């Protein structure tokens, strides 16, 4: 039981000490399966996913961190020499907009972590 309490304390402290947001970043791409990588944002930044359109071209997707006051606004982004109108959708949490994960693997690991945490508390 003591080990379980210590584990929860460490998890709570480490979560509270991270002031910067971590988002999944990827350059503009024509593929929705771009893996991206974790990137730390600064103050007043939110994770976003943007979808861009340009007349006569396929749509593009972009992910990363942006200033919270730009969320939902139309921005211009250049991809392969073409300027796209990008509309961003922000979320308000750590790594809340992820790159695609294969077949629920994240859910499985989260469930295993939850079960182990409960077992350590008993």
PDB file of N, CA and C in Angstrom:
ATOM      1  N   UNK A   1       0.815  -1.192   0.000  1.00  0.00           N
ATOM      2  CA  UNK A   1       0.000   0.000   0.000  1.00  0.00           C
ATOM      3  C   UNK A   1       0.858   1.254   0.000  1.00  0.00           C
ATOM      4  N   UNK A   2       1.935   1.245   0.759  1.00  0.00           N
ATOM      5  CA  UNK A   2       2.821   2.410   0.810  1.00  0.00           C
ATOM      6  C   UNK A   2       3.440   2.650  -0.564  1.00  0.00           C
ATOM      7  N   UNK A   3       3.837   1.565  -1.238  1.00  0.00           N
ATOM      8  CA  UNK A   3       4.419   1.695  -2.570  1.00  0.00           C
ATOM      9  C   UNK A   3       3.416   2.319  -3.536  1.00  0.00           C
ATOM     10  N   UNK A   4       2.163   1.925  -3.453  1.00  0.00           N
ATOM     11  CA  UNK A   4       1.122   2.486  -4.323  1.00  0.00           C
ATOM     12  C   UNK A   4       0.912   3.964  -4.066  1.00  0.00           C
ATOM     13  N   UNK A   5       0.909   4.368  -2.800  1.00  0.00           N
ATOM     14  CA  UNK A   5       0.749   5.782  -2.459  1.00  0.00           C
ATOM     15  C   UNK A   5       1.931   6.607  -2.971  1.00  0.00           C
ATOM     16  N   UNK A   6       3.140   6.056  -2.828  1.00  0.00           N
ATOM     17  CA  UNK A   6       4.317   6.758  -3.334  1.00  0.00           C
ATOM     18  C   UNK A   6       4.257   6.907  -4.851  1.00  0.00           C
ATOM     19  N   UNK A   7       3.800   5.863  -5.541  1.00  0.00           N
ATOM     20  CA  UNK A   7       3.673   5.916  -6.995  1.00  0.00           C
ATOM     21  C   UNK A   7       2.694   7.019  -7.409  1.00  0.00           C
ATOM     22  N   UNK A   8       1.550   7.099  -6.752  1.00  0.00           N
ATOM     23  CA  UNK A   8       0.571   8.138  -7.063  1.00  0.00           C
ATOM     24  C   UNK A   8       1.118   9.532  -6.759  1.00  0.00           C
ATOM     25  N   UNK A   9       1.874   9.664  -5.653  1.00  0.00           N
ATOM     26  CA  UNK A   9       2.464  10.946  -5.292  1.00  0.00           C
ATOM     27  C   UNK A   9       3.464  11.399  -6.353  1.00  0.00           C
ATOM     28  N   UNK A  10       4.323  10.498  -6.796  1.00  0.00           N
ATOM     29  CA  UNK A  10       5.314  10.824  -7.822  1.00  0.00           C
ATOM     30  C   UNK A  10       4.617  11.218  -9.120  1.00  0.00           C
ATOM     31  N   UNK A  11       3.576  10.488  -9.508  1.00  0.00           N
ATOM     32  CA  UNK A  11       2.852  10.809 -10.735  1.00  0.00           C
ATOM     33  C   UNK A  11       2.182  12.174 -10.626  1.00  0.00           C
ATOM     34  N   UNK A  12       1.591  12.480  -9.496  1.00  0.00           N
ATOM     35  CA  UNK A  12       0.911  13.763  -9.307  1.00  0.00           C
ATOM     36  C   UNK A  12       1.911  14.914  -9.324  1.00  0.00           C
ATOM     37  N   UNK A  13       3.046  14.738  -8.657  1.00  0.00           N
ATOM     38  CA  UNK A  13       4.048  15.794  -8.627  1.00  0.00           C
ATOM     39  C   UNK A  13       4.657  16.029  -9.995  1.00  0.00           C
ATOM     40  N   UNK A  14       4.953  14.963 -10.721  1.00  0.00           N
ATOM     41  CA  UNK A  14       5.565  15.141 -12.032  1.00  0.00           C
ATOM     42  C   UNK A  14       4.586  15.793 -12.997  1.00  0.00           C
ATOM     43  N   UNK A  15       3.291  15.496 -12.869  1.00  0.00           N
ATOM     44  CA  UNK A  15       2.297  16.113 -13.746  1.00  0.00           C
ATOM     45  C   UNK A  15       2.144  17.590 -13.416  1.00  0.00           C
ATOM     46  N   UNK A  16       2.178  17.943 -12.156  1.00  0.00           N
ATOM     47  CA  UNK A  16       2.010  19.327 -11.747  1.00  0.00           C
ATOM     48  C   UNK A  16       3.215  20.196 -12.036  1.00  0.00           C
ATOM     49  N   UNK A  17       4.384  19.616 -12.207  1.00  0.00           N
ATOM     50  CA  UNK A  17       5.594  20.385 -12.411  1.00  0.00           C
ATOM     51  C   UNK A  17       5.849  20.708 -13.878  1.00  0.00           C
ATOM     52  N   UNK A  18       5.134  20.096 -14.794  1.00  0.00           N
ATOM     53  CA  UNK A  18       5.352  20.362 -16.205  1.00  0.00           C
ATOM     54  C   UNK A  18       4.454  21.510 -16.630  1.00  0.00           C
ATOM     55  N   UNK A  19       5.035  22.714 -16.755  1.00  0.00           N
ATOM     56  CA  UNK A  19       4.260  23.892 -17.121  1.00  0.00           C
ATOM     57  C   UNK A  19       4.025  23.959 -18.624  1.00  0.00           C
ATOM     58  N   UNK A  20       4.997  23.522 -19.413  1.00  0.00           N
ATOM     59  CA  UNK A  20       4.860  23.587 -20.852  1.00  0.00           C
ATOM     60  C   UNK A  20       4.008  22.441 -21.370  1.00  0.00           C
ATOM     61  N   UNK A  21       3.260  22.732 -22.392  1.00  0.00           N
ATOM     62  CA  UNK A  21       2.400  21.745 -23.028  1.00  0.00           C
ATOM     63  C   UNK A  21       3.220  20.915 -24.008  1.00  0.00           C
ATOM     64  N   UNK A  22       2.907  19.633 -24.107  1.00  0.00           N
ATOM     65  CA  UNK A  22       3.558  18.749 -25.070  1.00  0.00           C
ATOM     66  C   UNK A  22       2.536  18.385 -26.133  1.00  0.00           C
ATOM     67  N   UNK A  23       2.869  18.668 -27.383  1.00  0.00           N
ATOM     68  CA  UNK A  23       1.973  18.388 -28.507  1.00  0.00           C
ATOM     69  C   UNK A  23       2.700  17.512 -29.514  1.00  0.00           C
ATOM     70  N   UNK A  24       1.938  16.864 -30.364  1.00  0.00           N
ATOM     71  CA  UNK A  24       2.516  16.101 -31.467  1.00  0.00           C
ATOM     72  C   UNK A  24       2.699  17.060 -32.631  1.00  0.00           C
ATOM     73  N   UNK A  25       3.925  17.143 -33.156  1.00  0.00           N
ATOM     74  CA  UNK A  25       4.245  18.069 -34.234  1.00  0.00           C
ATOM     75  C   UNK A  25       4.530  17.298 -35.510  1.00  0.00           C
ATOM     76  N   UNK A  26       4.000  17.787 -36.608  1.00  0.00           N
ATOM     77  CA  UNK A  26       4.419  17.296 -37.921  1.00  0.00           C
ATOM     78  C   UNK A  26       4.266  18.423 -38.926  1.00  0.00           C
ATOM     79  N   UNK A  27       5.176  18.465 -39.874  1.00  0.00           N
ATOM     80  CA  UNK A  27       5.135  19.457 -40.945  1.00  0.00           C
ATOM     81  C   UNK A  27       3.853  19.254 -41.744  1.00  0.00           C
ATOM     82  N   UNK A  28       3.426  20.269 -42.484  1.00  0.00           N
ATOM     83  CA  UNK A  28       2.269  20.057 -43.365  1.00  0.00           C
ATOM     84  C   UNK A  28       2.512  18.871 -44.288  1.00  0.00           C
ATOM     85  N   UNK A  29       1.500  18.048 -44.444  1.00  0.00           N
ATOM     86  CA  UNK A  29       1.622  16.845 -45.254  1.00  0.00           C
ATOM     87  C   UNK A  29       0.289  16.537 -45.915  1.00  0.00           C
ATOM     88  N   UNK A  30       0.346  15.782 -46.984  1.00  0.00           N
ATOM     89  CA  UNK A  30      -0.867  15.351 -47.661  1.00  0.00           C
ATOM     90  C   UNK A  30      -1.418  14.062 -47.085  1.00  0.00           C
ATOM     91  N   UNK A  31      -0.724  13.464 -46.108  1.00  0.00           N
ATOM     92  CA  UNK A  31      -1.129  12.181 -45.533  1.00  0.00           C
ATOM     93  C   UNK A  31      -1.677  12.364 -44.119  1.00  0.00           C
ATOM     94  N   UNK A  32      -2.795  11.712 -43.834  1.00  0.00           N
ATOM     95  CA  UNK A  32      -3.344  11.771 -42.471  1.00  0.00           C
ATOM     96  C   UNK A  32      -2.636  10.799 -41.542  1.00  0.00           C
ATOM     97  N   UNK A  33      -1.711   9.987 -42.056  1.00  0.00           N
ATOM     98  CA  UNK A  33      -0.991   9.005 -41.232  1.00  0.00           C
ATOM     99  C   UNK A  33       0.409   9.451 -40.864  1.00  0.00           C
ATOM    100  N   UNK A  34       0.694  10.743 -40.929  1.00  0.00           N
ATOM    101  CA  UNK A  34       2.011  11.237 -40.566  1.00  0.00           C
ATOM    102  C   UNK A  34       2.247  11.007 -39.079  1.00  0.00           C
ATOM    103  N   UNK A  35       3.341  10.316 -38.691  1.00  0.00           N
ATOM    104  CA  UNK A  35       3.540   9.964 -37.284  1.00  0.00           C
ATOM    105  C   UNK A  35       3.819  11.161 -36.379  1.00  0.00           C
ATOM    106  N   UNK A  36       4.575  12.144 -36.814  1.00  0.00           N
ATOM    107  CA  UNK A  36       4.898  13.282 -35.970  1.00  0.00           C
ATOM    108  C   UNK A  36       5.814  12.895 -34.817  1.00  0.00           C
ATOM    109  N   UNK A  37       6.145  13.880 -33.996  1.00  0.00           N
ATOM    110  CA  UNK A  37       6.968  13.642 -32.817  1.00  0.00           C
ATOM    111  C   UNK A  37       6.572  14.628 -31.729  1.00  0.00           C
ATOM    112  N   UNK A  38       6.805  14.277 -30.453  1.00  0.00           N
ATOM    113  CA  UNK A  38       6.437  15.174 -29.354  1.00  0.00           C
ATOM    114  C   UNK A  38       7.271  16.457 -29.400  1.00  0.00           C
ATOM    115  N   UNK A  39       6.613  17.583 -29.157  1.00  0.00           N
ATOM    116  CA  UNK A  39       7.292  18.870 -29.137  1.00  0.00           C
ATOM    117  C   UNK A  39       6.705  19.693 -27.995  1.00  0.00           C
ATOM    118  N   UNK A  40       7.583  20.348 -27.250  1.00  0.00           N
ATOM    119  CA  UNK A  40       7.147  21.158 -26.121  1.00  0.00           C
ATOM    120  C   UNK A  40       6.830  22.567 -26.591  1.00  0.00           C
ATOM    121  N   UNK A  41       5.647  23.053 -26.214  1.00  0.00           N
ATOM    122  CA  UNK A  41       5.246  24.423 -26.538  1.00  0.00           C
ATOM    123  C   UNK A  41       5.562  25.334 -25.375  1.00  0.00           C
ATOM    124  N   UNK A  42       5.385  26.614 -25.546  1.00  0.00           N
ATOM    125  CA  UNK A  42       5.658  27.578 -24.491  1.00  0.00           C
ATOM    126  C   UNK A  42       4.385  28.015 -23.799  1.00  0.00           C
ATOM    127  N   UNK A  43       4.481  29.139 -23.097  1.00  0.00           N
ATOM    128  CA  UNK A  43       3.315  29.702 -22.410  1.00  0.00           C
ATOM    129  C   UNK A  43       2.243  30.098 -23.412  1.00  0.00           C
ATOM    130  N   UNK A  44       1.006  29.958 -23.007  1.00  0.00           N
ATOM    131  CA  UNK A  44      -0.155  30.368 -23.805  1.00  0.00           C
ATOM    132  C   UNK A  44      -0.230  29.660 -25.150  1.00  0.00           C
ATOM    133  N   UNK A  45       0.266  28.437 -25.225  1.00  0.00           N
ATOM    134  CA  UNK A  45       0.176  27.666 -26.463  1.00  0.00           C
ATOM    135  C   UNK A  45      -0.728  26.470 -26.246  1.00  0.00           C
ATOM    136  N   UNK A  46      -1.398  26.073 -27.302  1.00  0.00           N
ATOM    137  CA  UNK A  46      -2.298  24.922 -27.283  1.00  0.00           C
ATOM    138  C   UNK A  46      -1.915  23.977 -28.412  1.00  0.00           C
ATOM    139  N   UNK A  47      -2.238  22.698 -28.242  1.00  0.00           N
ATOM    140  CA  UNK A  47      -2.048  21.727 -29.318  1.00  0.00           C
ATOM    141  C   UNK A  47      -3.117  21.968 -30.372  1.00  0.00           C
ATOM    142  N   UNK A  48      -2.756  21.772 -31.628  1.00  0.00           N
ATOM    143  CA  UNK A  48      -3.728  21.967 -32.685  1.00  0.00           C
ATOM    144  C   UNK A  48      -3.539  20.949 -33.800  1.00  0.00           C
ATOM    145  N   UNK A  49      -4.577  20.761 -34.557  1.00  0.00           N
ATOM    146  CA  UNK A  49      -4.494  20.075 -35.844  1.00  0.00           C
ATOM    147  C   UNK A  49      -5.133  21.032 -36.841  1.00  0.00           C
ATOM    148  N   UNK A  50      -4.468  21.232 -37.966  1.00  0.00           N
ATOM    149  CA  UNK A  50      -4.983  22.142 -38.983  1.00  0.00           C
ATOM    150  C   UNK A  50      -5.220  21.395 -40.277  1.00  0.00           C
ATOM    151  N   UNK A  51      -6.279  21.762 -40.953  1.00  0.00           N
ATOM    152  CA  UNK A  51      -6.578  21.188 -42.262  1.00  0.00           C
ATOM    153  C   UNK A  51      -6.611  22.321 -43.264  1.00  0.00           C
ATOM    154  N   UNK A  52      -5.834  22.175 -44.337  1.00  0.00           N
ATOM    155  CA  UNK A  52      -5.714  23.236 -45.322  1.00  0.00           C
ATOM    156  C   UNK A  52      -6.221  22.825 -46.686  1.00  0.00           C
ATOM    157  N   UNK A  53      -6.724  23.821 -47.405  1.00  0.00           N
ATOM    158  CA  UNK A  53      -7.233  23.600 -48.755  1.00  0.00           C
ATOM    159  C   UNK A  53      -6.642  24.663 -49.677  1.00  0.00           C
ATOM    160  N   UNK A  54      -6.386  24.268 -50.928  1.00  0.00           N
ATOM    161  CA  UNK A  54      -5.994  25.185 -51.993  1.00  0.00           C
ATOM    162  C   UNK A  54      -6.720  24.724 -53.254  1.00  0.00           C
ATOM    163  N   UNK A  55      -7.278  25.659 -54.010  1.00  0.00           N
ATOM    164  CA  UNK A  55      -8.021  25.281 -55.216  1.00  0.00           C
ATOM    165  C   UNK A  55      -7.182  24.425 -56.164  1.00  0.00           C
ATOM    166  N   UNK A  56      -7.731  23.276 -56.542  1.00  0.00           N
ATOM    167  CA  UNK A  56      -7.064  22.391 -57.493  1.00  0.00           C
ATOM    168  C   UNK A  56      -6.021  21.463 -56.902  1.00  0.00           C
ATOM    169  N   UNK A  57      -5.857  21.456 -55.577  1.00  0.00           N
ATOM    170  CA  UNK A  57      -4.854  20.606 -54.937  1.00  0.00           C
ATOM    171  C   UNK A  57      -5.499  19.760 -53.850  1.00  0.00           C
ATOM    172  N   UNK A  58      -4.830  18.666 -53.494  1.00  0.00           N
ATOM    173  CA  UNK A  58      -5.308  17.808 -52.405  1.00  0.00           C
ATOM    174  C   UNK A  58      -5.170  18.552 -51.077  1.00  0.00           C
ATOM    175  N   UNK A  59      -6.008  18.234 -50.088  1.00  0.00           N
ATOM    176  CA  UNK A  59      -5.905  18.895 -48.778  1.00  0.00           C
ATOM    177  C   UNK A  59      -4.623  18.499 -48.043  1.00  0.00           C
ATOM    178  N   UNK A  60      -4.193  19.348 -47.110  1.00  0.00           N
ATOM    179  CA  UNK A  60      -3.031  19.060 -46.268  1.00  0.00           C
ATOM    180  C   UNK A  60      -3.448  19.090 -44.809  1.00  0.00           C
ATOM    181  N   UNK A  61      -2.626  18.432 -43.982  1.00  0.00           N
ATOM    182  CA  UNK A  61      -2.839  18.381 -42.534  1.00  0.00           C
ATOM    183  C   UNK A  61      -1.556  18.839 -41.862  1.00  0.00           C
ATOM    184  N   UNK A  62      -1.696  19.568 -40.764  1.00  0.00           N
ATOM    185  CA  UNK A  62      -0.560  20.050 -39.995  1.00  0.00           C
ATOM    186  C   UNK A  62      -0.904  19.901 -38.518  1.00  0.00           C
ATOM    187  N   UNK A  63       0.072  19.516 -37.677  1.00  0.00           N
ATOM    188  CA  UNK A  63      -0.134  19.393 -36.230  1.00  0.00           C
ATOM    189  C   UNK A  63       0.995  20.095 -35.505  1.00  0.00           C
ATOM    190  N   UNK A  64       0.715  20.545 -34.275  1.00  0.00           N
ATOM    191  CA  UNK A  64       1.759  21.156 -33.472  1.00  0.00           C
ATOM    192  C   UNK A  64       1.202  21.992 -32.349  1.00  0.00           C
ATOM    193  N   UNK A  65       1.959  23.037 -31.949  1.00  0.00           N
ATOM    194  CA  UNK A  65       1.554  23.977 -30.914  1.00  0.00           C
ATOM    195  C   UNK A  65       1.365  25.344 -31.553  1.00  0.00           C
ATOM    196  N   UNK A  66       0.375  26.091 -31.079  1.00  0.00           N
ATOM    197  CA  UNK A  66       0.177  27.450 -31.573  1.00  0.00           C
ATOM    198  C   UNK A  66      -0.333  28.338 -30.448  1.00  0.00           C
ATOM    199  N   UNK A  67      -0.186  29.637 -30.624  1.00  0.00           N
ATOM    200  CA  UNK A  67      -0.703  30.586 -29.652  1.00  0.00           C
ATOM    201  C   UNK A  67      -2.205  30.369 -29.502  1.00  0.00           C
ATOM    202  N   UNK A  68      -2.693  30.370 -28.277  1.00  0.00           N
ATOM    203  CA  UNK A  68      -4.103  30.066 -28.035  1.00  0.00           C
ATOM    204  C   UNK A  68      -5.039  31.075 -28.702  1.00  0.00           C
ATOM    205  N   UNK A  69      -4.596  32.318 -28.904  1.00  0.00           N
ATOM    206  CA  UNK A  69      -5.470  33.301 -29.544  1.00  0.00           C
ATOM    207  C   UNK A  69      -5.617  33.079 -31.055  1.00  0.00           C
ATOM    208  N   UNK A  70      -4.827  32.157 -31.634  1.00  0.00           N
ATOM    209  CA  UNK A  70      -4.938  31.845 -33.063  1.00  0.00           C
ATOM    210  C   UNK A  70      -5.826  30.630 -33.331  1.00  0.00           C
ATOM    211  N   UNK A  71      -6.258  29.946 -32.288  1.00  0.00           N
ATOM    212  CA  UNK A  71      -7.082  28.752 -32.457  1.00  0.00           C
ATOM    213  C   UNK A  71      -8.370  29.086 -33.202  1.00  0.00           C
ATOM    214  N   UNK A  72      -8.685  28.276 -34.194  1.00  0.00           N
ATOM    215  CA  UNK A  72      -9.917  28.447 -34.960  1.00  0.00           C
ATOM    216  C   UNK A  72      -9.827  29.477 -36.075  1.00  0.00           C
ATOM    217  N   UNK A  73      -8.730  30.183 -36.171  1.00  0.00           N
ATOM    218  CA  UNK A  73      -8.574  31.200 -37.219  1.00  0.00           C
ATOM    219  C   UNK A  73      -8.012  30.584 -38.489  1.00  0.00           C
ATOM    220  N   UNK A  74      -8.236  31.264 -39.579  1.00  0.00           N
ATOM    221  CA  UNK A  74      -7.676  30.836 -40.860  1.00  0.00           C
ATOM    222  C   UNK A  74      -6.273  31.411 -41.001  1.00  0.00           C
ATOM    223  N   UNK A  75      -5.311  30.536 -41.310  1.00  0.00           N
ATOM    224  CA  UNK A  75      -3.921  30.937 -41.491  1.00  0.00           C
ATOM    225  C   UNK A  75      -3.452  30.475 -42.859  1.00  0.00           C
ATOM    226  N   UNK A  76      -2.375  31.055 -43.346  1.00  0.00           N
ATOM    227  CA  UNK A  76      -1.776  30.612 -44.603  1.00  0.00           C
ATOM    228  C   UNK A  76      -0.560  29.758 -44.292  1.00  0.00           C
ATOM    229  N   UNK A  77      -0.428  28.643 -44.993  1.00  0.00           N
ATOM    230  CA  UNK A  77       0.734  27.772 -44.843  1.00  0.00           C
ATOM    231  C   UNK A  77       1.160  27.325 -46.246  1.00  0.00           C
ATOM    232  N   UNK A  78       2.467  27.274 -46.467  1.00  0.00           N
ATOM    233  CA  UNK A  78       2.976  26.866 -47.771  1.00  0.00           C
ATOM    234  C   UNK A  78       3.482  25.431 -47.699  1.00  0.00           C
ATOM    235  N   UNK A  79       3.033  24.615 -48.627  1.00  0.00           N
ATOM    236  CA  UNK A  79       3.430  23.209 -48.716  1.00  0.00           C
ATOM    237  C   UNK A  79       3.723  22.904 -50.171  1.00  0.00           C
ATOM    238  N   UNK A  80       4.952  22.489 -50.457  1.00  0.00           N
ATOM    239  CA  UNK A  80       5.399  22.169 -51.812  1.00  0.00           C
ATOM    240  C   UNK A  80       5.128  23.319 -52.789  1.00  0.00           C
ATOM    241  N   UNK A  81       5.399  24.537 -52.328  1.00  0.00           N
ATOM    242  CA  UNK A  81       5.272  25.704 -53.175  1.00  0.00           C
ATOM    243  C   UNK A  81       3.857  26.228 -53.369  1.00  0.00           C
ATOM    244  N   UNK A  82       2.866  25.596 -52.734  1.00  0.00           N
ATOM    245  CA  UNK A  82       1.473  26.016 -52.859  1.00  0.00           C
ATOM    246  C   UNK A  82       1.027  26.595 -51.517  1.00  0.00           C
ATOM    247  N   UNK A  83       0.353  27.739 -51.535  1.00  0.00           N
ATOM    248  CA  UNK A  83      -0.154  28.353 -50.311  1.00  0.00           C
ATOM    249  C   UNK A  83      -1.567  27.843 -50.040  1.00  0.00           C
ATOM    250  N   UNK A  84      -1.738  27.253 -48.859  1.00  0.00           N
ATOM    251  CA  UNK A  84      -3.020  26.677 -48.440  1.00  0.00           C
ATOM    252  C   UNK A  84      -3.657  27.567 -47.388  1.00  0.00           C
ATOM    253  N   UNK A  85      -4.979  27.595 -47.365  1.00  0.00           N
ATOM    254  CA  UNK A  85      -5.720  28.213 -46.262  1.00  0.00           C
ATOM    255  C   UNK A  85      -5.910  27.128 -45.218  1.00  0.00           C
ATOM    256  N   UNK A  86      -5.355  27.335 -44.037  1.00  0.00           N
ATOM    257  CA  UNK A  86      -5.362  26.334 -42.972  1.00  0.00           C
ATOM    258  C   UNK A  86      -6.294  26.783 -41.853  1.00  0.00           C
ATOM    259  N   UNK A  87      -7.252  25.935 -41.498  1.00  0.00           N
ATOM    260  CA  UNK A  87      -8.121  26.185 -40.352  1.00  0.00           C
ATOM    261  C   UNK A  87      -7.663  25.258 -39.229  1.00  0.00           C
ATOM    262  N   UNK A  88      -7.375  25.829 -38.069  1.00  0.00           N
ATOM    263  CA  UNK A  88      -6.850  25.041 -36.949  1.00  0.00           C
ATOM    264  C   UNK A  88      -7.943  24.739 -35.936  1.00  0.00           C
ATOM    265  N   UNK A  89      -7.847  23.560 -35.346  1.00  0.00           N
ATOM    266  CA  UNK A  89      -8.710  23.165 -34.240  1.00  0.00           C
ATOM    267  C   UNK A  89      -7.803  22.851 -33.060  1.00  0.00           C
ATOM    268  N   UNK A  90      -7.993  23.563 -31.953  1.00  0.00           N
ATOM    269  CA  UNK A  90      -7.139  23.375 -30.776  1.00  0.00           C
ATOM    270  C   UNK A  90      -7.831  22.515 -29.729  1.00  0.00           C
ATOM    271  N   UNK A  91      -7.025  21.948 -28.851  1.00  0.00           N
ATOM    272  CA  UNK A  91      -7.541  21.243 -27.685  1.00  0.00           C
ATOM    273  C   UNK A  91      -6.770  21.748 -26.485  1.00  0.00           C
ATOM    274  N   UNK A  92      -7.239  21.444 -25.304  1.00  0.00           N
ATOM    275  CA  UNK A  92      -6.683  22.067 -24.108  1.00  0.00           C
ATOM    276  C   UNK A  92      -6.236  21.009 -23.111  1.00  0.00           C
ATOM    277  N   UNK A  93      -5.174  20.292 -23.432  1.00  0.00           N
ATOM    278  CA  UNK A  93      -4.625  19.275 -22.563  1.00  0.00           C
ATOM    279  C   UNK A  93      -3.277  18.815 -23.092  1.00  0.00           C
ATOM    280  N   UNK A  94      -2.587  17.976 -22.343  1.00  0.00           N
ATOM    281  CA  UNK A  94      -1.299  17.451 -22.767  1.00  0.00           C
ATOM    282  C   UNK A  94      -1.491  16.426 -23.875  1.00  0.00           C
ATOM    283  N   UNK A  95      -0.776  16.560 -24.957  1.00  0.00           N
ATOM    284  CA  UNK A  95      -0.763  15.626 -26.083  1.00  0.00           C
ATOM    285  C   UNK A  95      -2.194  15.248 -26.485  1.00  0.00           C
ATOM    286  N   UNK A  96      -3.092  16.221 -26.489  1.00  0.00           N
ATOM    287  CA  UNK A  96      -4.500  15.892 -26.700  1.00  0.00           C
ATOM    288  C   UNK A  96      -4.842  15.621 -28.150  1.00  0.00           C
ATOM    289  N   UNK A  97      -4.034  16.076 -29.075  1.00  0.00           N
ATOM    290  CA  UNK A  97      -4.246  15.720 -30.484  1.00  0.00           C
ATOM    291  C   UNK A  97      -3.034  14.915 -30.902  1.00  0.00           C
ATOM    292  N   UNK A  98      -3.220  13.613 -30.994  1.00  0.00           N
ATOM    293  CA  UNK A  98      -2.123  12.689 -31.254  1.00  0.00           C
ATOM    294  C   UNK A  98      -2.040  12.327 -32.719  1.00  0.00           C
ATOM    295  N   UNK A  99      -0.892  11.847 -33.079  1.00  0.00           N
ATOM    296  CA  UNK A  99      -0.764  11.185 -34.370  1.00  0.00           C
ATOM    297  C   UNK A  99      -1.538   9.876 -34.270  1.00  0.00           C
ATOM    298  N   UNK A 100      -1.989   9.318 -35.367  1.00  0.00           N
ATOM    299  CA  UNK A 100      -2.747   8.071 -35.295  1.00  0.00           C
ATOM    300  C   UNK A 100      -1.954   6.962 -34.614  1.00  0.00           C
ATOM    301  N   UNK A 101      -2.619   6.169 -33.768  1.00  0.00           N
ATOM    302  CA  UNK A 101      -1.975   5.039 -33.107  1.00  0.00           C
ATOM    303  C   UNK A 101      -2.574   3.749 -33.643  1.00  0.00           C
ATOM    304  N   UNK A 102      -1.761   2.726 -33.841  1.00  0.00           N
ATOM    305  CA  UNK A 102      -2.262   1.483 -34.412  1.00  0.00           C
ATOM    306  C   UNK A 102      -3.252   0.776 -33.486  1.00  0.00           C
ATOM    307  N   UNK A 103      -4.415   0.542 -33.941  1.00  0.00           N
ATOM    308  CA  UNK A 103      -5.467  -0.308 -33.360  1.00  0.00           C
ATOM    309  C   UNK A 103      -5.586  -0.292 -31.841  1.00  0.00           C
ATOM    310  N   UNK A 104      -5.691   0.863 -31.250  1.00  0.00           N
ATOM    311  CA  UNK A 104      -6.009   0.954 -29.831  1.00  0.00           C
ATOM    312  C   UNK A 104      -4.898   0.556 -28.885  1.00  0.00           C
ATOM    313  N   UNK A 105      -3.661   0.536 -29.335  1.00  0.00           N
ATOM    314  CA  UNK A 105      -2.550   0.136 -28.476  1.00  0.00           C
ATOM    315  C   UNK A 105      -2.449   1.045 -27.256  1.00  0.00           C
ATOM    316  N   UNK A 106      -2.722   2.324 -27.428  1.00  0.00           N
ATOM    317  CA  UNK A 106      -2.664   3.266 -26.315  1.00  0.00           C
ATOM    318  C   UNK A 106      -3.686   2.909 -25.243  1.00  0.00           C
ATOM    319  N   UNK A 107      -4.875   2.512 -25.643  1.00  0.00           N
ATOM    320  CA  UNK A 107      -5.925   2.136 -24.689  1.00  0.00           C
ATOM    321  C   UNK A 107      -5.503   0.917 -23.882  1.00  0.00           C
ATOM    322  N   UNK A 108      -4.871  -0.034 -24.543  1.00  0.00           N
ATOM    323  CA  UNK A 108      -4.417  -1.246 -23.849  1.00  0.00           C
ATOM    324  C   UNK A 108      -3.390  -0.884 -22.773  1.00  0.00           C
ATOM    325  N   UNK A 109      -2.406  -0.056 -23.121  1.00  0.00           N
ATOM    326  CA  UNK A 109      -1.373   0.313 -22.148  1.00  0.00           C
ATOM    327  C   UNK A 109      -1.948   1.162 -21.025  1.00  0.00           C
ATOM    328  N   UNK A 110      -2.887   2.029 -21.332  1.00  0.00           N
ATOM    329  CA  UNK A 110      -3.523   2.830 -20.281  1.00  0.00           C
ATOM    330  C   UNK A 110      -4.288   1.933 -19.313  1.00  0.00           C
ATOM    331  N   UNK A 111      -4.976   0.932 -19.849  1.00  0.00           N
ATOM    332  CA  UNK A 111      -5.724  -0.002 -19.000  1.00  0.00           C
ATOM    333  C   UNK A 111      -4.781  -0.808 -18.114  1.00  0.00           C
ATOM    334  N   UNK A 112      -3.683  -1.288 -18.680  1.00  0.00           N
ATOM    335  CA  UNK A 112      -2.701  -2.047 -17.898  1.00  0.00           C
ATOM    336  C   UNK A 112      -2.129  -1.173 -16.780  1.00  0.00           C
ATOM    337  N   UNK A 113      -1.808   0.091 -17.102  1.00  0.00           N
ATOM    338  CA  UNK A 113      -1.288   1.003 -16.082  1.00  0.00           C
ATOM    339  C   UNK A 113      -2.290   1.255 -14.967  1.00  0.00           C
ATOM    340  N   UNK A 114      -3.559   1.401 -15.326  1.00  0.00           N
ATOM    341  CA  UNK A 114      -4.607   1.612 -14.330  1.00  0.00           C
ATOM    342  C   UNK A 114      -4.756   0.396 -13.425  1.00  0.00           C
ATOM    343  N   UNK A 115      -4.761  -0.790 -14.004  1.00  0.00           N
ATOM    344  CA  UNK A 115      -4.897  -2.022 -13.216  1.00  0.00           C
ATOM    345  C   UNK A 115      -3.715  -2.179 -12.274  1.00  0.00           C
ATOM    346  N   UNK A 116      -2.499  -1.932 -12.772  1.00  0.00           N
ATOM    347  CA  UNK A 116      -1.329  -2.052 -11.894  1.00  0.00           C
ATOM    348  C   UNK A 116      -1.374  -1.022 -10.770  1.00  0.00           C
ATOM    349  N   UNK A 117      -1.830   0.187 -11.070  1.00  0.00           N
ATOM    350  CA  UNK A 117      -1.957   1.204 -10.014  1.00  0.00           C
ATOM    351  C   UNK A 117      -2.942   0.784  -8.940  1.00  0.00           C
ATOM    352  N   UNK A 118      -4.068   0.225  -9.356  1.00  0.00           N
ATOM    353  CA  UNK A 118      -5.088  -0.238  -8.388  1.00  0.00           C
ATOM    354  C   UNK A 118      -4.529  -1.383  -7.558  1.00  0.00           C
ATOM    355  N   UNK A 119      -3.830  -2.329  -8.200  1.00  0.00           N
ATOM    356  CA  UNK A 119      -3.244  -3.448  -7.466  1.00  0.00           C
ATOM    357  C   UNK A 119      -2.209  -2.978  -6.449  1.00  0.00           C
ATOM    358  N   UNK A 120      -1.431  -1.968  -6.793  1.00  0.00           N
ATOM    359  CA  UNK A 120      -0.429  -1.462  -5.854  1.00  0.00           C
ATOM    360  C   UNK A 120      -1.072  -0.751  -4.669  1.00  0.00           C
ATOM    361  N   UNK A 121      -2.265  -0.203  -4.856  1.00  0.00           N
ATOM    362  CA  UNK A 121      -2.941   0.462  -3.746  1.00  0.00           C
ATOM    363  C   UNK A 121      -3.539  -0.533  -2.748  1.00  0.00           C
ATOM    364  N   UNK A 122      -3.774  -1.756  -3.178  1.00  0.00           N
ATOM    365  CA  UNK A 122      -4.384  -2.748  -2.266  1.00  0.00           C
ATOM    366  C   UNK A 122      -3.355  -3.470  -1.504  1.00  0.00           C
TER     367      UNK A 122
END
